[in-house]
Amino acid sequence: MLRHFTLEYWIDEDWYVGRLKEVPGVFSQGETLEELEENIRDAYRLMTESEDSYRAVAQTKEIEIEV
């Protein structure tokens, strides 16, 4: 099954750095955009595999940040 996600990326000191906007916690980097895409796919697979092995209960807490 194919799912579609939005890869948000930027260049930081000659590295392509990115994240999946729809999946918090999936970040990666690569020397090229193609490598970043491959690494993001790997990071997503690793995250979903580890989620299958245990089901932690996520909790939330509001915090204040002065801006």
PDB file of N, CA and C in Angstrom:
ATOM      1  N   MET A   1       0.838  -1.169   0.000  1.00  0.00           N
ATOM      2  CA  MET A   1       0.000   0.000   0.000  1.00  0.00           C
ATOM      3  C   MET A   1       0.893   1.245   0.000  1.00  0.00           C
ATOM      4  N   LEU A   2       0.585   2.182  -0.864  1.00  0.00           N
ATOM      5  CA  LEU A   2       1.318   3.441  -0.899  1.00  0.00           C
ATOM      6  C   LEU A   2       0.590   4.495  -0.095  1.00  0.00           C
ATOM      7  N   ARG A   3       1.334   5.229   0.697  1.00  0.00           N
ATOM      8  CA  ARG A   3       0.802   6.383   1.417  1.00  0.00           C
ATOM      9  C   ARG A   3       1.583   7.600   0.976  1.00  0.00           C
ATOM     10  N   HIS A   4       0.967   8.724   0.994  1.00  0.00           N
ATOM     11  CA  HIS A   4       1.610   9.964   0.562  1.00  0.00           C
ATOM     12  C   HIS A   4       1.849  10.866   1.764  1.00  0.00           C
ATOM     13  N   PHE A   5       3.058  11.403   1.846  1.00  0.00           N
ATOM     14  CA  PHE A   5       3.448  12.305   2.918  1.00  0.00           C
ATOM     15  C   PHE A   5       4.107  13.535   2.314  1.00  0.00           C
ATOM     16  N   THR A   6       4.201  14.575   3.108  1.00  0.00           N
ATOM     17  CA  THR A   6       4.872  15.801   2.686  1.00  0.00           C
ATOM     18  C   THR A   6       6.261  15.841   3.291  1.00  0.00           C
ATOM     19  N   LEU A   7       7.281  15.859   2.437  1.00  0.00           N
ATOM     20  CA  LEU A   7       8.663  15.998   2.895  1.00  0.00           C
ATOM     21  C   LEU A   7       8.992  17.482   2.931  1.00  0.00           C
ATOM     22  N   GLU A   8       9.212  17.995   4.120  1.00  0.00           N
ATOM     23  CA  GLU A   8       9.651  19.379   4.282  1.00  0.00           C
ATOM     24  C   GLU A   8      11.159  19.324   4.481  1.00  0.00           C
ATOM     25  N   TYR A   9      11.900  20.073   3.675  1.00  0.00           N
ATOM     26  CA  TYR A   9      13.363  19.995   3.783  1.00  0.00           C
ATOM     27  C   TYR A   9      14.002  21.362   3.604  1.00  0.00           C
ATOM     28  N   TRP A  10      15.239  21.444   4.064  1.00  0.00           N
ATOM     29  CA  TRP A  10      16.034  22.652   3.958  1.00  0.00           C
ATOM     30  C   TRP A  10      17.493  22.234   3.845  1.00  0.00           C
ATOM     31  N   ILE A  11      18.338  23.174   3.476  1.00  0.00           N
ATOM     32  CA  ILE A  11      19.771  22.900   3.353  1.00  0.00           C
ATOM     33  C   ILE A  11      20.482  23.569   4.523  1.00  0.00           C
ATOM     34  N   ASP A  12      21.283  22.775   5.226  1.00  0.00           N
ATOM     35  CA  ASP A  12      22.014  23.256   6.393  1.00  0.00           C
ATOM     36  C   ASP A  12      23.463  22.831   6.235  1.00  0.00           C
ATOM     37  N   GLU A  13      24.338  23.782   5.980  1.00  0.00           N
ATOM     38  CA  GLU A  13      25.761  23.510   5.786  1.00  0.00           C
ATOM     39  C   GLU A  13      25.991  22.378   4.786  1.00  0.00           C
ATOM     40  N   ASP A  14      25.413  22.505   3.614  1.00  0.00           N
ATOM     41  CA  ASP A  14      25.564  21.562   2.496  1.00  0.00           C
ATOM     42  C   ASP A  14      24.878  20.215   2.707  1.00  0.00           C
ATOM     43  N   TRP A  15      24.076  20.055   3.746  1.00  0.00           N
ATOM     44  CA  TRP A  15      23.300  18.838   3.976  1.00  0.00           C
ATOM     45  C   TRP A  15      21.830  19.141   3.739  1.00  0.00           C
ATOM     46  N   TYR A  16      21.155  18.209   3.110  1.00  0.00           N
ATOM     47  CA  TYR A  16      19.702  18.287   2.992  1.00  0.00           C
ATOM     48  C   TYR A  16      19.122  17.663   4.260  1.00  0.00           C
ATOM     49  N   VAL A  17      18.351  18.444   4.987  1.00  0.00           N
ATOM     50  CA  VAL A  17      17.756  17.998   6.246  1.00  0.00           C
ATOM     51  C   VAL A  17      16.244  18.083   6.067  1.00  0.00           C
ATOM     52  N   GLY A  18      15.527  17.048   6.534  1.00  0.00           N
ATOM     53  CA  GLY A  18      14.091  17.089   6.322  1.00  0.00           C
ATOM     54  C   GLY A  18      13.306  16.290   7.342  1.00  0.00           C
ATOM     55  N   ARG A  19      11.990  16.451   7.222  1.00  0.00           N
ATOM     56  CA  ARG A  19      11.074  15.749   8.111  1.00  0.00           C
ATOM     57  C   ARG A  19       9.785  15.475   7.358  1.00  0.00           C
ATOM     58  N   LEU A  20       9.035  14.497   7.833  1.00  0.00           N
ATOM     59  CA  LEU A  20       7.696  14.247   7.311  1.00  0.00           C
ATOM     60  C   LEU A  20       6.728  15.077   8.133  1.00  0.00           C
ATOM     61  N   LYS A  21       6.037  16.010   7.487  1.00  0.00           N
ATOM     62  CA  LYS A  21       5.148  16.912   8.217  1.00  0.00           C
ATOM     63  C   LYS A  21       4.030  16.167   8.927  1.00  0.00           C
ATOM     64  N   GLU A  22       3.528  15.101   8.334  1.00  0.00           N
ATOM     65  CA  GLU A  22       2.392  14.384   8.904  1.00  0.00           C
ATOM     66  C   GLU A  22       2.777  13.380   9.990  1.00  0.00           C
ATOM     67  N   VAL A  23       4.073  13.121  10.150  1.00  0.00           N
ATOM     68  CA  VAL A  23       4.519  12.108  11.106  1.00  0.00           C
ATOM     69  C   VAL A  23       5.577  12.721  12.022  1.00  0.00           C
ATOM     70  N   PRO A  24       5.159  13.240  13.170  1.00  0.00           N
ATOM     71  CA  PRO A  24       6.132  13.847  14.085  1.00  0.00           C
ATOM     72  C   PRO A  24       7.226  12.852  14.473  1.00  0.00           C
ATOM     73  N   GLY A  25       8.434  13.322  14.488  1.00  0.00           N
ATOM     74  CA  GLY A  25       9.543  12.469  14.917  1.00  0.00           C
ATOM     75  C   GLY A  25      10.307  11.801  13.789  1.00  0.00           C
ATOM     76  N   VAL A  26       9.845  11.919  12.541  1.00  0.00           N
ATOM     77  CA  VAL A  26      10.578  11.313  11.425  1.00  0.00           C
ATOM     78  C   VAL A  26      11.402  12.414  10.767  1.00  0.00           C
ATOM     79  N   PHE A  27      12.672  12.447  11.131  1.00  0.00           N
ATOM     80  CA  PHE A  27      13.644  13.400  10.593  1.00  0.00           C
ATOM     81  C   PHE A  27      14.805  12.621  10.008  1.00  0.00           C
ATOM     82  N   SER A  28      15.504  13.218   9.044  1.00  0.00           N
ATOM     83  CA  SER A  28      16.732  12.616   8.550  1.00  0.00           C
ATOM     84  C   SER A  28      17.520  13.667   7.785  1.00  0.00           C
ATOM     85  N   GLN A  29      18.635  13.224   7.196  1.00  0.00           N
ATOM     86  CA  GLN A  29      19.475  14.112   6.398  1.00  0.00           C
ATOM     87  C   GLN A  29      20.168  13.311   5.316  1.00  0.00           C
ATOM     88  N   GLY A  30      20.718  14.005   4.345  1.00  0.00           N
ATOM     89  CA  GLY A  30      21.471  13.348   3.280  1.00  0.00           C
ATOM     90  C   GLY A  30      22.323  14.361   2.546  1.00  0.00           C
ATOM     91  N   GLU A  31      23.321  13.872   1.850  1.00  0.00           N
ATOM     92  CA  GLU A  31      24.187  14.770   1.088  1.00  0.00           C
ATOM     93  C   GLU A  31      23.500  15.284  -0.171  1.00  0.00           C
ATOM     94  N   THR A  32      22.486  14.563  -0.650  1.00  0.00           N
ATOM     95  CA  THR A  32      21.697  14.979  -1.802  1.00  0.00           C
ATOM     96  C   THR A  32      20.222  14.858  -1.439  1.00  0.00           C
ATOM     97  N   LEU A  33      19.370  15.458  -2.243  1.00  0.00           N
ATOM     98  CA  LEU A  33      17.943  15.342  -2.004  1.00  0.00           C
ATOM     99  C   LEU A  33      17.484  13.896  -2.149  1.00  0.00           C
ATOM    100  N   GLU A  34      18.055  13.192  -3.114  1.00  0.00           N
ATOM    101  CA  GLU A  34      17.706  11.781  -3.305  1.00  0.00           C
ATOM    102  C   GLU A  34      18.092  10.943  -2.093  1.00  0.00           C
ATOM    103  N   GLU A  35      19.276  11.208  -1.532  1.00  0.00           N
ATOM    104  CA  GLU A  35      19.705  10.477  -0.337  1.00  0.00           C
ATOM    105  C   GLU A  35      18.806  10.807   0.856  1.00  0.00           C
ATOM    106  N   LEU A  36      18.416  12.063   0.975  1.00  0.00           N
ATOM    107  CA  LEU A  36      17.492  12.446   2.050  1.00  0.00           C
ATOM    108  C   LEU A  36      16.187  11.673   1.909  1.00  0.00           C
ATOM    109  N   GLU A  37      15.629  11.600   0.701  1.00  0.00           N
ATOM    110  CA  GLU A  37      14.379  10.869   0.484  1.00  0.00           C
ATOM    111  C   GLU A  37      14.520   9.406   0.895  1.00  0.00           C
ATOM    112  N   GLU A  38      15.627   8.786   0.517  1.00  0.00           N
ATOM    113  CA  GLU A  38      15.873   7.388   0.885  1.00  0.00           C
ATOM    114  C   GLU A  38      15.985   7.235   2.398  1.00  0.00           C
ATOM    115  N   ASN A  39      16.707   8.147   3.044  1.00  0.00           N
ATOM    116  CA  ASN A  39      16.883   8.084   4.493  1.00  0.00           C
ATOM    117  C   ASN A  39      15.573   8.340   5.243  1.00  0.00           C
ATOM    118  N   ILE A  40      14.749   9.233   4.721  1.00  0.00           N
ATOM    119  CA  ILE A  40      13.439   9.493   5.332  1.00  0.00           C
ATOM    120  C   ILE A  40      12.570   8.248   5.244  1.00  0.00           C
ATOM    121  N   ARG A  41      12.588   7.570   4.096  1.00  0.00           N
ATOM    122  CA  ARG A  41      11.817   6.318   3.959  1.00  0.00           C
ATOM    123  C   ARG A  41      12.295   5.287   4.978  1.00  0.00           C
ATOM    124  N   ASP A  42      13.617   5.174   5.126  1.00  0.00           N
ATOM    125  CA  ASP A  42      14.171   4.232   6.113  1.00  0.00           C
ATOM    126  C   ASP A  42      13.757   4.612   7.527  1.00  0.00           C
ATOM    127  N   ALA A  43      13.823   5.897   7.852  1.00  0.00           N
ATOM    128  CA  ALA A  43      13.442   6.354   9.194  1.00  0.00           C
ATOM    129  C   ALA A  43      11.972   6.057   9.466  1.00  0.00           C
ATOM    130  N   TYR A  44      11.123   6.246   8.464  1.00  0.00           N
ATOM    131  CA  TYR A  44       9.694   5.948   8.638  1.00  0.00           C
ATOM    132  C   TYR A  44       9.481   4.454   8.877  1.00  0.00           C
ATOM    133  N   ARG A  45      10.160   3.634   8.079  1.00  0.00           N
ATOM    134  CA  ARG A  45      10.032   2.170   8.251  1.00  0.00           C
ATOM    135  C   ARG A  45      10.489   1.744   9.643  1.00  0.00           C
ATOM    136  N   LEU A  46      11.626   2.260  10.082  1.00  0.00           N
ATOM    137  CA  LEU A  46      12.138   1.914  11.412  1.00  0.00           C
ATOM    138  C   LEU A  46      11.163   2.338  12.506  1.00  0.00           C
ATOM    139  N   MET A  47      10.578   3.523  12.357  1.00  0.00           N
ATOM    140  CA  MET A  47       9.634   3.993  13.363  1.00  0.00           C
ATOM    141  C   MET A  47       8.389   3.106  13.400  1.00  0.00           C
ATOM    142  N   THR A  48       7.865   2.745  12.244  1.00  0.00           N
ATOM    143  CA  THR A  48       6.651   1.928  12.240  1.00  0.00           C
ATOM    144  C   THR A  48       6.942   0.507  12.710  1.00  0.00           C
ATOM    145  N   GLU A  49       8.126  -0.027  12.429  1.00  0.00           N
ATOM    146  CA  GLU A  49       8.493  -1.353  12.927  1.00  0.00           C
ATOM    147  C   GLU A  49       8.594  -1.345  14.451  1.00  0.00           C
ATOM    148  N   SER A  50       9.191  -0.293  15.008  1.00  0.00           N
ATOM    149  CA  SER A  50       9.332  -0.239  16.466  1.00  0.00           C
ATOM    150  C   SER A  50       7.976  -0.009  17.129  1.00  0.00           C
ATOM    151  N   GLU A  51       7.067   0.694  16.463  1.00  0.00           N
ATOM    152  CA  GLU A  51       5.720   0.870  17.012  1.00  0.00           C
ATOM    153  C   GLU A  51       4.973  -0.453  17.075  1.00  0.00           C
ATOM    154  N   ASP A  52       5.228  -1.322  16.090  1.00  0.00           N
ATOM    155  CA  ASP A  52       4.565  -2.619  16.077  1.00  0.00           C
ATOM    156  C   ASP A  52       5.051  -3.516  17.211  1.00  0.00           C
ATOM    157  N   SER A  53       6.295  -3.311  17.669  1.00  0.00           N
ATOM    158  CA  SER A  53       6.848  -4.193  18.692  1.00  0.00           C
ATOM    159  C   SER A  53       6.375  -3.828  20.106  1.00  0.00           C
ATOM    160  N   TYR A  54       5.934  -2.595  20.300  1.00  0.00           N
ATOM    161  CA  TYR A  54       5.374  -2.214  21.600  1.00  0.00           C
ATOM    162  C   TYR A  54       4.367  -1.084  21.377  1.00  0.00           C
ATOM    163  N   ARG A  55       3.451  -0.996  22.274  1.00  0.00           N
ATOM    164  CA  ARG A  55       2.412   0.037  22.196  1.00  0.00           C
ATOM    165  C   ARG A  55       2.469   0.898  23.458  1.00  0.00           C
ATOM    166  N   ALA A  56       3.325   1.906  23.436  1.00  0.00           N
ATOM    167  CA  ALA A  56       3.412   2.825  24.564  1.00  0.00           C
ATOM    168  C   ALA A  56       2.219   3.771  24.535  1.00  0.00           C
ATOM    169  N   VAL A  57       1.790   4.180  25.702  1.00  0.00           N
ATOM    170  CA  VAL A  57       0.689   5.120  25.797  1.00  0.00           C
ATOM    171  C   VAL A  57       1.276   6.525  25.812  1.00  0.00           C
ATOM    172  N   ALA A  58       0.980   7.293  24.773  1.00  0.00           N
ATOM    173  CA  ALA A  58       1.494   8.657  24.699  1.00  0.00           C
ATOM    174  C   ALA A  58       0.705   9.567  25.610  1.00  0.00           C
ATOM    175  N   GLN A  59       1.396  10.476  26.214  1.00  0.00           N
ATOM    176  CA  GLN A  59       0.763  11.444  27.094  1.00  0.00           C
ATOM    177  C   GLN A  59       1.095  12.838  26.579  1.00  0.00           C
ATOM    178  N   THR A  60       0.297  13.807  26.943  1.00  0.00           N
ATOM    179  CA  THR A  60       0.566  15.185  26.543  1.00  0.00           C
ATOM    180  C   THR A  60       0.552  16.078  27.770  1.00  0.00           C
ATOM    181  N   LYS A  61       1.229  17.208  27.636  1.00  0.00           N
ATOM    182  CA  LYS A  61       1.262  18.186  28.707  1.00  0.00           C
ATOM    183  C   LYS A  61       1.473  19.546  28.063  1.00  0.00           C
ATOM    184  N   GLU A  62       0.665  20.517  28.438  1.00  0.00           N
ATOM    185  CA  GLU A  62       0.853  21.860  27.928  1.00  0.00           C
ATOM    186  C   GLU A  62       1.989  22.518  28.685  1.00  0.00           C
ATOM    187  N   ILE A  63       2.827  23.253  27.941  1.00  0.00           N
ATOM    188  CA  ILE A  63       3.926  23.977  28.552  1.00  0.00           C
ATOM    189  C   ILE A  63       3.903  25.416  28.048  1.00  0.00           C
ATOM    190  N   GLU A  64       4.560  26.285  28.767  1.00  0.00           N
ATOM    191  CA  GLU A  64       4.663  27.685  28.356  1.00  0.00           C
ATOM    192  C   GLU A  64       6.059  27.959  27.839  1.00  0.00           C
ATOM    193  N   ILE A  65       6.131  28.737  26.761  1.00  0.00           N
ATOM    194  CA  ILE A  65       7.421  29.145  26.198  1.00  0.00           C
ATOM    195  C   ILE A  65       7.336  30.634  25.906  1.00  0.00           C
ATOM    196  N   GLU A  66       8.237  31.382  26.476  1.00  0.00           N
ATOM    197  CA  GLU A  66       8.248  32.817  26.219  1.00  0.00           C
ATOM    198  C   GLU A  66       8.883  33.068  24.858  1.00  0.00           C
ATOM    199  N   VAL A  67       8.208  33.851  24.035  1.00  0.00           N
ATOM    200  CA  VAL A  67       8.730  34.144  22.693  1.00  0.00           C
ATOM    201  C   VAL A  67       8.969  35.622  22.511  1.00  0.00           C
TER     202      VAL A  67
END
